[in-house]
Amino acid sequence: MLIRSGDLVEVRTGNARGTRAKVLSVLPAKEPSGAVRLVVEGVNRVYRHVRRSQKNPQGGRLSKELPINASNVLLVCTACGKPARLGARATTEGGKVRFCKKCGADLGALRRAKAVRAKSGG
């Protein structure tokens, strides 16, 4: 998954279409379909009705965000400021970086460079 928590994304479908917000968490795929889900700040908000208890003495309605499918958002590029698809490419040192497919700007490392093993001469 190329989108990480803390990234700025734009919602492309649903009631919150056009909303730009921060990713709070990334939930790995549980279903065989492989759908990764994201919890995005202020998107897909629902009320959870809670009974009075020692933990929650007043009770009432708690507002919280539920996860949405990762296919419904696009990352907002920090360089060009537009929502864009992401790609991954290898660096010359052997690591991997994310890049914006619109402007080609690097958007952070995915994997650090691997240590190169010394070849024995013999």
Protein backbone atom coordinates (compact mmCIF):
# COMPACT_ATOMS: atom_id res chain seq x y z
CA MET A 1 0.00 0.00 0.00
CA LEU A 2 1.46 3.33 -1.04
CA ILE A 3 -0.75 5.57 1.14
CA ARG A 4 0.39 5.88 4.74
CA SER A 5 -1.03 7.41 7.90
CA GLY A 6 -0.38 11.14 8.05
CA ASP A 7 -0.72 11.63 4.27
CA LEU A 8 -3.08 14.26 2.87
CA VAL A 9 -5.72 12.66 0.61
CA GLU A 10 -8.72 13.83 -1.40
CA VAL A 11 -11.94 11.82 -1.29
CA ARG A 12 -13.17 11.06 -4.82
CA THR A 13 -16.56 9.41 -4.18
CA GLY A 14 -19.43 9.46 -1.70
CA ASN A 15 -20.92 12.20 0.47
CA ALA A 16 -17.52 13.68 1.30
CA ARG A 17 -16.44 14.00 -2.34
CA GLY A 18 -13.79 16.69 -2.80
CA THR A 19 -12.81 16.75 0.87
CA ARG A 20 -9.10 16.95 1.61
CA ALA A 21 -8.12 15.44 4.93
CA LYS A 22 -5.37 13.57 6.76
CA VAL A 23 -5.22 9.77 6.95
CA LEU A 24 -5.48 8.70 10.59
CA SER A 25 -4.79 4.98 10.09
CA VAL A 26 -4.41 2.32 7.42
CA LEU A 27 -6.18 -0.99 8.02
CA PRO A 28 -4.77 -4.02 6.19
CA ALA A 29 -6.97 -6.23 4.03
CA LYS A 30 -9.02 -8.85 5.88
CA GLU A 31 -11.18 -10.07 3.01
CA PRO A 32 -9.87 -12.26 0.20
CA SER A 33 -10.62 -9.40 -2.20
CA GLY A 34 -7.64 -7.54 -0.72
CA ALA A 35 -9.45 -4.25 -0.09
CA VAL A 36 -7.32 -1.97 2.07
CA ARG A 37 -9.29 0.51 4.14
CA LEU A 38 -8.37 3.94 5.50
CA VAL A 39 -9.67 6.00 8.40
CA VAL A 40 -9.71 9.59 7.16
CA GLU A 41 -10.18 12.57 9.49
CA GLY A 42 -13.75 13.91 9.34
CA VAL A 43 -14.93 11.49 6.62
CA ASN A 44 -17.59 8.78 7.09
CA ARG A 45 -18.55 10.08 10.55
CA VAL A 46 -21.14 8.17 12.54
CA TYR A 47 -22.63 8.41 16.02
CA ARG A 48 -22.05 5.64 18.52
CA HIS A 49 -24.68 5.62 21.27
CA VAL A 50 -23.10 4.67 24.59
CA ARG A 51 -24.76 3.75 27.85
CA ARG A 52 -23.69 5.35 31.13
CA SER A 53 -20.87 3.45 32.82
CA GLN A 54 -17.85 4.09 35.02
CA LYS A 55 -15.73 4.61 31.93
CA ASN A 56 -18.28 6.96 30.37
CA PRO A 57 -20.29 8.47 33.25
CA GLN A 58 -22.45 10.78 31.17
CA GLY A 59 -23.29 8.44 28.28
CA GLY A 60 -24.76 9.90 25.11
CA ARG A 61 -23.57 10.00 21.52
CA LEU A 62 -19.92 9.72 20.57
CA SER A 63 -18.94 10.77 17.05
CA LYS A 64 -16.26 8.71 15.32
CA GLU A 65 -14.88 8.02 11.85
CA LEU A 66 -15.34 4.64 10.17
CA PRO A 67 -12.96 3.29 7.53
CA ILE A 68 -13.45 3.84 3.80
CA ASN A 69 -12.03 1.90 0.88
CA ALA A 70 -8.58 3.04 -0.25
CA SER A 71 -9.75 3.05 -3.88
CA ASN A 72 -12.03 6.01 -3.07
CA VAL A 73 -9.18 8.42 -2.29
CA LEU A 74 -6.20 9.93 -4.11
CA LEU A 75 -3.06 11.25 -2.44
CA VAL A 76 -2.54 15.01 -2.74
CA CYS A 77 0.99 15.58 -4.07
CA THR A 78 3.08 17.89 -1.89
CA ALA A 79 4.94 19.26 -4.92
CA CYS A 80 2.12 20.07 -7.37
CA GLY A 81 -0.77 20.24 -4.86
CA LYS A 82 -3.07 18.12 -7.03
CA PRO A 83 -4.59 14.71 -6.32
CA ALA A 84 -2.57 12.11 -8.20
CA ARG A 85 -1.95 8.42 -8.45
CA LEU A 86 1.21 7.05 -6.89
CA GLY A 87 3.94 4.85 -8.24
CA ALA A 88 6.98 3.16 -6.75
CA ARG A 89 10.41 3.18 -8.31
CA ALA A 90 13.83 1.89 -7.35
CA THR A 91 16.65 4.25 -6.47
CA THR A 92 20.25 3.87 -7.53
CA GLU A 93 21.22 2.87 -3.97
CA GLY A 94 18.80 -0.06 -4.01
CA GLY A 95 15.90 1.47 -2.06
CA LYS A 96 12.37 2.30 -3.18
CA VAL A 97 10.55 5.65 -3.21
CA ARG A 98 6.96 6.76 -3.86
CA PHE A 99 6.45 9.23 -6.68
CA CYS A 100 3.63 11.35 -8.10
CA LYS A 101 2.53 10.14 -11.53
CA LYS A 102 1.50 13.69 -12.55
CA CYS A 103 4.66 15.64 -11.85
CA GLY A 104 7.19 12.90 -11.06
CA ALA A 105 8.17 14.31 -7.65
CA ASP A 106 9.47 11.97 -4.95
CA LEU A 107 7.05 11.60 -2.02
CA GLY A 108 9.12 9.67 0.49
CA ALA A 109 10.92 6.39 0.92
CA LEU A 110 9.15 3.05 0.90
CA ARG A 111 12.20 0.97 1.66
CA ARG A 112 15.72 1.93 2.64
CA ALA A 113 18.67 0.80 0.55
CA LYS A 114 19.71 -2.75 1.22
CA ALA A 115 23.23 -3.38 2.44
CA VAL A 116 25.31 -4.67 -0.45
CA ARG A 117 27.10 -7.90 0.34
CA ALA A 118 30.78 -8.04 -0.41
CA LYS A 119 31.60 -10.71 -2.97
CA SER A 120 34.36 -13.06 -1.99
CA GLY A 121 37.03 -13.57 -4.60
CA GLY A 122 37.17 -17.16 -4.43
